[in-house]
Amino acid sequence: MYCDRIYTYTGFNLMWIINSSIDVHKLLGSCNYANNLLTYDFSTLYTSIPHDKLKNEIAFLVHKAFKGMDKKYIKVTSSSAFWTDDKPEHSSSISCSQLIILIN
């Protein structure tokens, strides 16, 4: 994961998932560099999007990505993922239609 690598190299944690901003306020309250702190609640941001429309739009983007890369599969290994035309040897490769089925 990108944020894990950043943390390994710099010691900075860029990924924060919290249930309460109180913990963040306590953590940063003792720091001199936390002058402005804003919090936002995104829990209800997209709840009114119809699922059928959302799934159609995501399918459109998946098709567009596969077409743009001009490849048949995404191959996933233990350390990376990449586009390929090679026929899948194992279940670690996924086609455009398979990905859309999984998303649905």
C-alpha atoms as a PDB file:
ATOM      1  CA  MET A   1       0.000   0.000   0.000  1.00  0.00           C
ATOM      2  CA  TYR A   2       1.239   3.464  -0.892  1.00  0.00           C
ATOM      3  CA  CYS A   3       0.753   4.931   2.588  1.00  0.00           C
ATOM      4  CA  ASP A   4       2.665   2.043   4.167  1.00  0.00           C
ATOM      5  CA  ARG A   5       5.664   2.757   1.939  1.00  0.00           C
ATOM      6  CA  ILE A   6       5.563   6.462   2.770  1.00  0.00           C
ATOM      7  CA  TYR A   7       5.509   5.566   6.470  1.00  0.00           C
ATOM      8  CA  THR A   8       8.443   3.155   6.036  1.00  0.00           C
ATOM      9  CA  TYR A   9      10.597   5.769   4.312  1.00  0.00           C
ATOM     10  CA  THR A  10       9.569   8.929   6.162  1.00  0.00           C
ATOM     11  CA  GLY A  11       7.887   7.912   9.413  1.00  0.00           C
ATOM     12  CA  PHE A  12       4.787   9.920   8.429  1.00  0.00           C
ATOM     13  CA  ASN A  13       1.411   8.171   8.596  1.00  0.00           C
ATOM     14  CA  LEU A  14      -0.708   9.649   5.786  1.00  0.00           C
ATOM     15  CA  MET A  15      -3.652   7.290   6.274  1.00  0.00           C
ATOM     16  CA  TRP A  16      -5.967   8.030   9.154  1.00  0.00           C
ATOM     17  CA  ILE A  17      -9.306   6.331   9.571  1.00  0.00           C
ATOM     18  CA  ILE A  18     -11.011   7.400  12.753  1.00  0.00           C
ATOM     19  CA  ASN A  19     -14.338   6.868  14.439  1.00  0.00           C
ATOM     20  CA  SER A  20     -14.179  10.032  16.481  1.00  0.00           C
ATOM     21  CA  SER A  21     -12.385  13.328  16.018  1.00  0.00           C
ATOM     22  CA  ILE A  22     -11.904  13.492  19.796  1.00  0.00           C
ATOM     23  CA  ASP A  23      -8.967  11.056  19.557  1.00  0.00           C
ATOM     24  CA  VAL A  24      -7.338  13.247  16.899  1.00  0.00           C
ATOM     25  CA  HIS A  25      -7.828  16.374  18.993  1.00  0.00           C
ATOM     26  CA  LYS A  26      -6.203  14.633  21.972  1.00  0.00           C
ATOM     27  CA  LEU A  27      -3.321  13.413  19.833  1.00  0.00           C
ATOM     28  CA  LEU A  28      -2.658  16.761  18.188  1.00  0.00           C
ATOM     29  CA  GLY A  29      -3.516  18.919  21.167  1.00  0.00           C
ATOM     30  CA  SER A  30      -0.005  18.598  22.557  1.00  0.00           C
ATOM     31  CA  CYS A  31       1.657  19.411  19.208  1.00  0.00           C
ATOM     32  CA  ASN A  32       2.744  22.916  18.326  1.00  0.00           C
ATOM     33  CA  TYR A  33       2.113  22.440  14.595  1.00  0.00           C
ATOM     34  CA  ALA A  34      -1.623  21.745  14.855  1.00  0.00           C
ATOM     35  CA  ASN A  35      -2.885  25.330  14.545  1.00  0.00           C
ATOM     36  CA  ASN A  36      -5.994  24.659  12.438  1.00  0.00           C
ATOM     37  CA  LEU A  37      -7.906  21.418  12.654  1.00  0.00           C
ATOM     38  CA  LEU A  38     -11.037  20.746  10.623  1.00  0.00           C
ATOM     39  CA  THR A  39     -13.151  17.619  10.609  1.00  0.00           C
ATOM     40  CA  TYR A  40     -15.764  16.438   8.129  1.00  0.00           C
ATOM     41  CA  ASP A  41     -18.376  13.686   8.191  1.00  0.00           C
ATOM     42  CA  PHE A  42     -18.724  11.855   4.871  1.00  0.00           C
ATOM     43  CA  SER A  43     -20.846   8.985   6.190  1.00  0.00           C
ATOM     44  CA  THR A  44     -24.004  10.189   4.409  1.00  0.00           C
ATOM     45  CA  LEU A  45     -22.429  11.899   1.395  1.00  0.00           C
ATOM     46  CA  TYR A  46     -23.460   9.441  -1.319  1.00  0.00           C
ATOM     47  CA  THR A  47     -26.339   7.538   0.263  1.00  0.00           C
ATOM     48  CA  SER A  48     -28.924   8.860  -2.206  1.00  0.00           C
ATOM     49  CA  ILE A  49     -27.225   7.536  -5.382  1.00  0.00           C
ATOM     50  CA  PRO A  50     -29.352   4.728  -6.870  1.00  0.00           C
ATOM     51  CA  HIS A  51     -27.334   1.490  -6.811  1.00  0.00           C
ATOM     52  CA  ASP A  52     -28.243   0.545 -10.380  1.00  0.00           C
ATOM     53  CA  LYS A  53     -26.957   3.870 -11.687  1.00  0.00           C
ATOM     54  CA  LEU A  54     -23.819   3.646  -9.559  1.00  0.00           C
ATOM     55  CA  LYS A  55     -23.063   0.106 -10.782  1.00  0.00           C
ATOM     56  CA  ASN A  56     -23.594   1.166 -14.410  1.00  0.00           C
ATOM     57  CA  GLU A  57     -21.219   4.098 -14.029  1.00  0.00           C
ATOM     58  CA  ILE A  58     -18.550   1.961 -12.351  1.00  0.00           C
ATOM     59  CA  ALA A  59     -18.915  -0.649 -15.121  1.00  0.00           C
ATOM     60  CA  PHE A  60     -18.453   2.136 -17.685  1.00  0.00           C
ATOM     61  CA  LEU A  61     -15.226   3.243 -15.960  1.00  0.00           C
ATOM     62  CA  VAL A  62     -13.906  -0.332 -15.764  1.00  0.00           C
ATOM     63  CA  HIS A  63     -14.584  -0.832 -19.490  1.00  0.00           C
ATOM     64  CA  LYS A  64     -12.882   2.480 -20.233  1.00  0.00           C
ATOM     65  CA  ALA A  65      -9.816   1.527 -18.172  1.00  0.00           C
ATOM     66  CA  PHE A  66      -9.421  -1.829 -19.927  1.00  0.00           C
ATOM     67  CA  LYS A  67      -9.913  -0.195 -23.338  1.00  0.00           C
ATOM     68  CA  GLY A  68      -7.474   2.596 -22.497  1.00  0.00           C
ATOM     69  CA  MET A  69      -4.787   0.140 -21.418  1.00  0.00           C
ATOM     70  CA  ASP A  70      -5.556  -2.082 -24.435  1.00  0.00           C
ATOM     71  CA  LYS A  71      -5.094  -5.201 -22.307  1.00  0.00           C
ATOM     72  CA  LYS A  72      -7.310  -8.220 -21.583  1.00  0.00           C
ATOM     73  CA  TYR A  73      -6.476  -8.851 -17.924  1.00  0.00           C
ATOM     74  CA  ILE A  74      -5.210  -7.409 -14.683  1.00  0.00           C
ATOM     75  CA  LYS A  75      -2.767  -9.824 -13.058  1.00  0.00           C
ATOM     76  CA  VAL A  76      -2.368  -9.595  -9.293  1.00  0.00           C
ATOM     77  CA  THR A  77       0.703 -10.955  -7.528  1.00  0.00           C
ATOM     78  CA  SER A  78       1.721 -10.852  -3.889  1.00  0.00           C
ATOM     79  CA  SER A  79       3.641  -7.616  -4.453  1.00  0.00           C
ATOM     80  CA  SER A  80       2.000  -5.864  -7.416  1.00  0.00           C
ATOM     81  CA  ALA A  81      -0.755  -5.693 -10.003  1.00  0.00           C
ATOM     82  CA  PHE A  82      -0.294  -5.023 -13.709  1.00  0.00           C
ATOM     83  CA  TRP A  83      -2.088  -5.068 -17.050  1.00  0.00           C
ATOM     84  CA  THR A  84      -1.436  -8.031 -19.352  1.00  0.00           C
ATOM     85  CA  ASP A  85      -2.698  -9.875 -22.423  1.00  0.00           C
ATOM     86  CA  ASP A  86      -1.327 -13.200 -21.185  1.00  0.00           C
ATOM     87  CA  LYS A  87      -3.960 -15.855 -20.662  1.00  0.00           C
ATOM     88  CA  PRO A  88      -4.546 -16.288 -16.923  1.00  0.00           C
ATOM     89  CA  GLU A  89      -2.699 -19.264 -15.495  1.00  0.00           C
ATOM     90  CA  HIS A  90      -4.381 -19.049 -12.115  1.00  0.00           C
ATOM     91  CA  SER A  91      -7.189 -17.143 -10.504  1.00  0.00           C
ATOM     92  CA  SER A  92      -4.794 -14.236  -9.919  1.00  0.00           C
ATOM     93  CA  SER A  93      -5.748 -12.698 -13.284  1.00  0.00           C
ATOM     94  CA  ILE A  94      -9.070 -11.004 -13.840  1.00  0.00           C
ATOM     95  CA  SER A  95     -10.832  -9.891 -17.012  1.00  0.00           C
ATOM     96  CA  CYS A  96     -12.964  -6.818 -17.488  1.00  0.00           C
ATOM     97  CA  SER A  97     -16.224  -8.764 -17.300  1.00  0.00           C
ATOM     98  CA  GLN A  98     -15.069 -10.707 -14.222  1.00  0.00           C
ATOM     99  CA  LEU A  99     -14.174  -7.475 -12.431  1.00  0.00           C
ATOM    100  CA  ILE A 100     -17.580  -5.990 -13.195  1.00  0.00           C
ATOM    101  CA  ILE A 101     -19.279  -9.131 -11.847  1.00  0.00           C
ATOM    102  CA  LEU A 102     -17.236  -8.887  -8.643  1.00  0.00           C
ATOM    103  CA  ILE A 103     -18.103  -5.209  -8.222  1.00  0.00           C
ATOM    104  CA  ASN A 104     -21.796  -5.943  -8.716  1.00  0.00           C
END
